[in-house]
N, C-alpha and C. Protein backbone atom coordinates (compact mmCIF):
# COMPACT_ATOMS: atom_id res chain seq x y z
N MET A 1 92.10 103.55 75.87
CA MET A 1 92.87 104.33 76.82
C MET A 1 92.66 103.78 78.23
N PHE A 2 91.40 103.53 78.60
CA PHE A 2 91.10 103.05 79.96
C PHE A 2 91.69 101.67 80.18
N ASN A 3 91.58 100.78 79.19
CA ASN A 3 92.11 99.42 79.34
C ASN A 3 93.61 99.43 79.51
N TYR A 4 94.29 100.36 78.84
CA TYR A 4 95.74 100.46 78.98
C TYR A 4 96.12 100.89 80.39
N SER A 5 95.36 101.82 80.98
CA SER A 5 95.63 102.27 82.35
C SER A 5 95.41 101.14 83.35
N VAL A 6 94.35 100.38 83.17
CA VAL A 6 94.06 99.27 84.07
C VAL A 6 95.14 98.20 83.94
N GLY A 7 95.60 97.97 82.72
CA GLY A 7 96.68 97.00 82.51
C GLY A 7 97.96 97.42 83.23
N GLY A 8 98.26 98.71 83.18
CA GLY A 8 99.42 99.23 83.90
C GLY A 8 99.28 99.07 85.40
N LEU A 9 98.07 99.24 85.89
CA LEU A 9 97.82 99.05 87.32
C LEU A 9 98.04 97.59 87.70
N TYR A 10 97.57 96.68 86.87
CA TYR A 10 97.77 95.25 87.14
C TYR A 10 99.26 94.89 87.16
N VAL A 11 100.00 95.43 86.21
CA VAL A 11 101.44 95.14 86.14
C VAL A 11 102.14 95.69 87.38
N ALA A 12 101.82 96.93 87.76
CA ALA A 12 102.46 97.53 88.93
C ALA A 12 102.11 96.77 90.21
N THR A 13 100.86 96.33 90.33
CA THR A 13 100.43 95.56 91.50
C THR A 13 101.16 94.22 91.55
N TYR A 14 101.25 93.55 90.41
CA TYR A 14 101.96 92.27 90.35
C TYR A 14 103.42 92.45 90.73
N LEU A 15 104.06 93.49 90.22
CA LEU A 15 105.46 93.74 90.55
C LEU A 15 105.64 94.03 92.03
N LEU A 16 104.76 94.81 92.59
CA LEU A 16 104.85 95.13 94.02
C LEU A 16 104.71 93.88 94.87
N ILE A 17 103.71 93.06 94.57
CA ILE A 17 103.51 91.83 95.33
C ILE A 17 104.69 90.88 95.18
N SER A 18 105.20 90.75 93.96
CA SER A 18 106.34 89.84 93.76
C SER A 18 107.59 90.35 94.47
N ILE A 19 107.81 91.65 94.49
CA ILE A 19 108.97 92.20 95.20
C ILE A 19 108.86 91.95 96.70
N VAL A 20 107.67 92.15 97.25
CA VAL A 20 107.46 91.93 98.69
C VAL A 20 107.67 90.46 99.03
N VAL A 21 107.12 89.57 98.23
CA VAL A 21 107.25 88.13 98.50
C VAL A 21 108.71 87.70 98.41
N ILE A 22 109.42 88.17 97.40
CA ILE A 22 110.83 87.79 97.27
C ILE A 22 111.66 88.37 98.42
N ALA A 23 111.36 89.61 98.82
CA ALA A 23 112.10 90.21 99.93
C ALA A 23 111.87 89.44 101.22
N ILE A 24 110.64 89.01 101.46
CA ILE A 24 110.35 88.23 102.67
C ILE A 24 111.01 86.85 102.58
N TRP A 25 111.06 86.28 101.40
CA TRP A 25 111.67 84.96 101.24
C TRP A 25 113.19 85.02 101.46
N VAL A 26 113.81 86.09 100.97
CA VAL A 26 115.26 86.21 101.11
C VAL A 26 115.65 86.62 102.53
N VAL A 27 114.94 87.61 103.08
CA VAL A 27 115.25 88.10 104.43
C VAL A 27 113.95 88.07 105.24
N PRO A 28 113.70 86.99 105.97
CA PRO A 28 112.40 86.81 106.64
C PRO A 28 112.03 87.91 107.64
N TRP A 29 113.00 88.54 108.31
CA TRP A 29 112.65 89.56 109.29
C TRP A 29 112.08 90.82 108.65
N VAL A 30 112.17 90.93 107.33
CA VAL A 30 111.58 92.06 106.60
C VAL A 30 110.06 92.03 106.74
N ALA A 31 109.50 90.84 106.98
CA ALA A 31 108.05 90.72 107.15
C ALA A 31 107.56 91.51 108.35
N ILE A 32 108.43 91.76 109.31
CA ILE A 32 108.05 92.56 110.48
C ILE A 32 108.00 94.04 110.12
N ILE A 33 108.87 94.48 109.22
CA ILE A 33 108.97 95.89 108.87
C ILE A 33 107.87 96.34 107.91
N PHE A 34 107.42 95.48 107.01
CA PHE A 34 106.44 95.87 106.00
C PHE A 34 105.13 96.40 106.57
N PRO A 35 104.54 95.80 107.60
CA PRO A 35 103.31 96.40 108.15
C PRO A 35 103.53 97.79 108.73
N ILE A 36 104.70 98.01 109.33
CA ILE A 36 105.01 99.33 109.88
C ILE A 36 105.12 100.35 108.76
N ILE A 37 105.80 99.97 107.70
CA ILE A 37 105.93 100.86 106.54
C ILE A 37 104.57 101.12 105.92
N LEU A 38 103.74 100.11 105.83
CA LEU A 38 102.41 100.26 105.25
C LEU A 38 101.56 101.24 106.07
N ILE A 39 101.62 101.14 107.38
CA ILE A 39 100.88 102.07 108.24
C ILE A 39 101.38 103.50 108.04
N CYS A 40 102.70 103.67 107.97
CA CYS A 40 103.26 105.01 107.74
C CYS A 40 102.81 105.58 106.40
N VAL A 41 102.80 104.75 105.38
CA VAL A 41 102.39 105.21 104.05
C VAL A 41 100.91 105.62 104.06
N ILE A 42 100.07 104.85 104.73
CA ILE A 42 98.65 105.19 104.78
C ILE A 42 98.43 106.51 105.50
N VAL A 43 99.12 106.70 106.63
CA VAL A 43 98.98 107.96 107.38
C VAL A 43 99.45 109.14 106.55
N LEU A 44 100.61 109.01 105.91
CA LEU A 44 101.12 110.09 105.07
C LEU A 44 100.21 110.36 103.88
N TYR A 45 99.64 109.32 103.30
CA TYR A 45 98.71 109.48 102.18
C TYR A 45 97.51 110.31 102.60
N LYS A 46 96.95 110.01 103.77
CA LYS A 46 95.79 110.77 104.24
C LYS A 46 96.15 112.22 104.49
N LEU A 47 97.33 112.47 105.04
CA LEU A 47 97.76 113.85 105.27
C LEU A 47 97.96 114.61 103.96
N VAL A 48 98.55 113.95 103.00
CA VAL A 48 98.80 114.60 101.71
C VAL A 48 97.49 114.87 100.98
N ILE A 49 96.55 113.93 101.03
CA ILE A 49 95.27 114.14 100.36
C ILE A 49 94.54 115.32 100.98
N ASP A 50 94.53 115.42 102.31
CA ASP A 50 93.87 116.55 102.97
C ASP A 50 94.53 117.87 102.58
N ALA A 51 95.86 117.90 102.55
CA ALA A 51 96.56 119.12 102.17
C ALA A 51 96.30 119.48 100.71
N THR A 52 96.26 118.48 99.84
CA THR A 52 96.00 118.73 98.43
C THR A 52 94.61 119.29 98.21
N LYS A 53 93.63 118.78 98.92
CA LYS A 53 92.26 119.31 98.81
C LYS A 53 92.20 120.75 99.27
N GLU A 54 92.89 121.07 100.35
CA GLU A 54 92.88 122.43 100.87
C GLU A 54 93.57 123.40 99.90
N VAL A 55 94.70 123.00 99.33
CA VAL A 55 95.39 123.84 98.36
C VAL A 55 94.53 124.05 97.13
N SER A 56 93.86 123.01 96.67
CA SER A 56 92.97 123.12 95.52
C SER A 56 91.82 124.07 95.81
N ARG A 57 91.27 124.00 97.01
CA ARG A 57 90.17 124.91 97.38
C ARG A 57 90.65 126.35 97.41
N ILE A 58 91.80 126.60 98.01
CA ILE A 58 92.34 127.96 98.09
C ILE A 58 92.65 128.49 96.69
N GLU A 59 93.18 127.64 95.83
CA GLU A 59 93.49 128.04 94.46
C GLU A 59 92.22 128.44 93.70
N SER A 60 91.17 127.64 93.84
CA SER A 60 89.94 127.95 93.13
C SER A 60 89.29 129.22 93.66
N VAL A 61 89.39 129.47 94.97
CA VAL A 61 88.83 130.69 95.55
C VAL A 61 89.61 131.91 95.07
N SER A 62 90.93 131.79 94.98
CA SER A 62 91.74 132.93 94.56
C SER A 62 91.58 133.22 93.07
N LYS A 63 91.30 132.21 92.26
CA LYS A 63 91.10 132.41 90.83
C LYS A 63 89.69 132.87 90.50
N SER A 64 88.77 132.73 91.41
CA SER A 64 87.37 133.01 91.14
C SER A 64 87.12 134.43 90.65
N PRO A 65 87.65 135.49 91.28
CA PRO A 65 87.39 136.83 90.76
C PRO A 65 87.92 137.04 89.34
N LEU A 66 89.07 136.50 89.05
CA LEU A 66 89.63 136.64 87.71
C LEU A 66 88.76 135.91 86.69
N LEU A 67 88.32 134.70 87.01
CA LEU A 67 87.47 133.95 86.09
C LEU A 67 86.13 134.64 85.89
N ALA A 68 85.57 135.25 86.95
CA ALA A 68 84.31 135.98 86.83
C ALA A 68 84.50 137.19 85.91
N PHE A 69 85.61 137.91 86.05
CA PHE A 69 85.88 139.06 85.20
C PHE A 69 86.01 138.65 83.74
N LEU A 70 86.76 137.57 83.49
CA LEU A 70 86.92 137.09 82.12
C LEU A 70 85.59 136.64 81.52
N SER A 71 84.77 135.98 82.31
CA SER A 71 83.47 135.52 81.84
C SER A 71 82.57 136.70 81.48
N GLU A 72 82.56 137.72 82.32
CA GLU A 72 81.75 138.91 82.04
C GLU A 72 82.26 139.64 80.80
N THR A 73 83.56 139.69 80.63
CA THR A 73 84.14 140.35 79.47
C THR A 73 83.76 139.62 78.19
N ILE A 74 83.85 138.30 78.21
CA ILE A 74 83.51 137.52 77.02
C ILE A 74 82.03 137.62 76.71
N SER A 75 81.17 137.55 77.73
CA SER A 75 79.73 137.64 77.47
C SER A 75 79.32 139.05 77.05
N GLY A 76 80.05 140.07 77.47
CA GLY A 76 79.72 141.45 77.09
C GLY A 76 80.30 141.87 75.76
N SER A 77 81.20 141.09 75.21
CA SER A 77 81.83 141.48 73.94
C SER A 77 80.83 141.52 72.80
N SER A 78 79.82 140.69 72.81
CA SER A 78 78.81 140.73 71.74
C SER A 78 77.99 142.01 71.83
N THR A 79 77.71 142.49 73.03
CA THR A 79 76.98 143.75 73.20
C THR A 79 77.83 144.93 72.70
N ILE A 80 79.11 144.89 73.02
CA ILE A 80 80.00 145.97 72.57
C ILE A 80 80.08 145.98 71.05
N ARG A 81 80.16 144.83 70.43
CA ARG A 81 80.20 144.76 68.96
C ARG A 81 78.88 145.20 68.36
N ALA A 82 77.78 144.89 69.01
CA ALA A 82 76.47 145.25 68.47
C ALA A 82 76.29 146.77 68.40
N PHE A 83 76.83 147.48 69.35
CA PHE A 83 76.68 148.94 69.38
C PHE A 83 77.91 149.66 68.82
N SER A 84 78.85 148.92 68.28
CA SER A 84 80.07 149.44 67.67
C SER A 84 80.84 150.38 68.61
N ARG A 85 81.00 150.00 69.82
CA ARG A 85 81.74 150.83 70.79
C ARG A 85 82.88 150.06 71.37
């Protein structure tokens, strides 16, 4: 499974590099735009990662009381069965 994922990463990286090289070869002024696009992508990536972490934290905090209740219910079910109540 892991080797297949790494192989897919290699293929995607090779395709990306070949597309960039061909685009620069066909239209040379595109080489000026690619660094600008790369900087924009990096900035947006950092913003999205920060937002995703915050949403994940809020989600786990909001689910915490429910998960605690379910955990207590499951751990107490053996006691309830033991006393037949």
